[in-house]
Amino acid sequence: MNQRVLNLLNPDEVTVVIRLADEAEMDEMWSFIGRKKDQRWLWHAIDHRSGKVMSEG
């Protein structure tokens, strides 16, 4: 997780939902903003049955 983003969140405004998934896929992707040394990683998990995004970071 991005610690800077987490520090900005108000815990009273965050909802966490935990569900069981039969099968999921985890993937990562990186990009950069302005300069290649300023990399940004994106992570996400997708529920194969519903196609819904389960988690992003």
C-alpha atoms as a PDB file:
ATOM      1  CA  MET A   1       0.000   0.000   0.000  1.00  0.00           C
ATOM      2  CA  ASN A   2       0.998   3.597  -0.495  1.00  0.00           C
ATOM      3  CA  GLN A   3       1.861   4.793   3.013  1.00  0.00           C
ATOM      4  CA  ARG A   4       1.423   8.474   2.064  1.00  0.00           C
ATOM      5  CA  VAL A   5      -2.137   7.783   0.888  1.00  0.00           C
ATOM      6  CA  LEU A   6      -2.915   5.703   3.983  1.00  0.00           C
ATOM      7  CA  ASN A   7      -1.766   8.563   6.213  1.00  0.00           C
ATOM      8  CA  LEU A   8      -4.303  10.881   4.525  1.00  0.00           C
ATOM      9  CA  LEU A   9      -7.286   8.565   5.077  1.00  0.00           C
ATOM     10  CA  ASN A  10      -9.753   9.095   7.878  1.00  0.00           C
ATOM     11  CA  PRO A  11     -10.477   5.627   9.366  1.00  0.00           C
ATOM     12  CA  ASP A  12     -14.095   6.665  10.044  1.00  0.00           C
ATOM     13  CA  GLU A  13     -14.603   7.162   6.283  1.00  0.00           C
ATOM     14  CA  VAL A  14     -13.079   3.844   5.133  1.00  0.00           C
ATOM     15  CA  THR A  15     -15.183   0.725   4.583  1.00  0.00           C
ATOM     16  CA  VAL A  16     -13.502  -2.686   4.379  1.00  0.00           C
ATOM     17  CA  VAL A  17     -15.484  -5.589   2.889  1.00  0.00           C
ATOM     18  CA  ILE A  18     -14.147  -9.141   3.218  1.00  0.00           C
ATOM     19  CA  ARG A  19     -15.655 -11.828   0.971  1.00  0.00           C
ATOM     20  CA  LEU A  20     -14.674 -15.367   0.048  1.00  0.00           C
ATOM     21  CA  ALA A  21     -13.662 -15.881  -3.589  1.00  0.00           C
ATOM     22  CA  ASP A  22     -13.392 -19.275  -5.281  1.00  0.00           C
ATOM     23  CA  GLU A  23     -10.722 -18.136  -7.725  1.00  0.00           C
ATOM     24  CA  ALA A  24      -8.897 -14.847  -8.082  1.00  0.00           C
ATOM     25  CA  GLU A  25      -6.113 -13.384 -10.155  1.00  0.00           C
ATOM     26  CA  MET A  26      -3.469 -10.993  -8.833  1.00  0.00           C
ATOM     27  CA  ASP A  27      -1.593  -8.768 -11.232  1.00  0.00           C
ATOM     28  CA  GLU A  28       0.800  -5.857 -11.094  1.00  0.00           C
ATOM     29  CA  MET A  29       1.730  -3.100 -13.488  1.00  0.00           C
ATOM     30  CA  TRP A  30       4.189  -0.257 -13.252  1.00  0.00           C
ATOM     31  CA  SER A  31       4.468   3.081 -14.909  1.00  0.00           C
ATOM     32  CA  PHE A  32       6.314   6.304 -14.301  1.00  0.00           C
ATOM     33  CA  ILE A  33       5.361   9.935 -13.989  1.00  0.00           C
ATOM     34  CA  GLY A  34       7.709  12.407 -15.612  1.00  0.00           C
ATOM     35  CA  ARG A  35      10.924  10.456 -15.003  1.00  0.00           C
ATOM     36  CA  LYS A  36      11.540   6.721 -15.086  1.00  0.00           C
ATOM     37  CA  LYS A  37      13.050   6.855 -11.594  1.00  0.00           C
ATOM     38  CA  ASP A  38       9.639   8.023 -10.292  1.00  0.00           C
ATOM     39  CA  GLN A  39       8.021   4.614 -10.709  1.00  0.00           C
ATOM     40  CA  ARG A  40       4.468   3.915  -9.582  1.00  0.00           C
ATOM     41  CA  TRP A  41       3.296   0.330  -9.044  1.00  0.00           C
ATOM     42  CA  LEU A  42      -0.352  -0.650  -9.386  1.00  0.00           C
ATOM     43  CA  TRP A  43      -1.655  -3.910  -7.887  1.00  0.00           C
ATOM     44  CA  HIS A  44      -5.107  -5.408  -8.306  1.00  0.00           C
ATOM     45  CA  ALA A  45      -6.954  -8.647  -7.632  1.00  0.00           C
ATOM     46  CA  ILE A  46      -9.939  -9.772  -9.724  1.00  0.00           C
ATOM     47  CA  ASP A  47     -12.626 -12.320  -8.825  1.00  0.00           C
ATOM     48  CA  HIS A  48     -12.742 -14.709 -11.809  1.00  0.00           C
ATOM     49  CA  ARG A  49     -16.412 -15.623 -11.325  1.00  0.00           C
ATOM     50  CA  SER A  50     -17.850 -12.110 -11.149  1.00  0.00           C
ATOM     51  CA  GLY A  51     -15.087 -10.139 -12.886  1.00  0.00           C
ATOM     52  CA  LYS A  52     -15.182  -7.593 -10.073  1.00  0.00           C
ATOM     53  CA  VAL A  53     -12.052  -5.934  -8.738  1.00  0.00           C
ATOM     54  CA  MET A  54     -11.439  -7.288  -5.253  1.00  0.00           C
ATOM     55  CA  SER A  55      -8.510  -5.116  -4.237  1.00  0.00           C
ATOM     56  CA  GLU A  56      -6.316  -2.352  -5.603  1.00  0.00           C
ATOM     57  CA  GLY A  57      -3.224  -0.759  -4.305  1.00  0.00           C
END
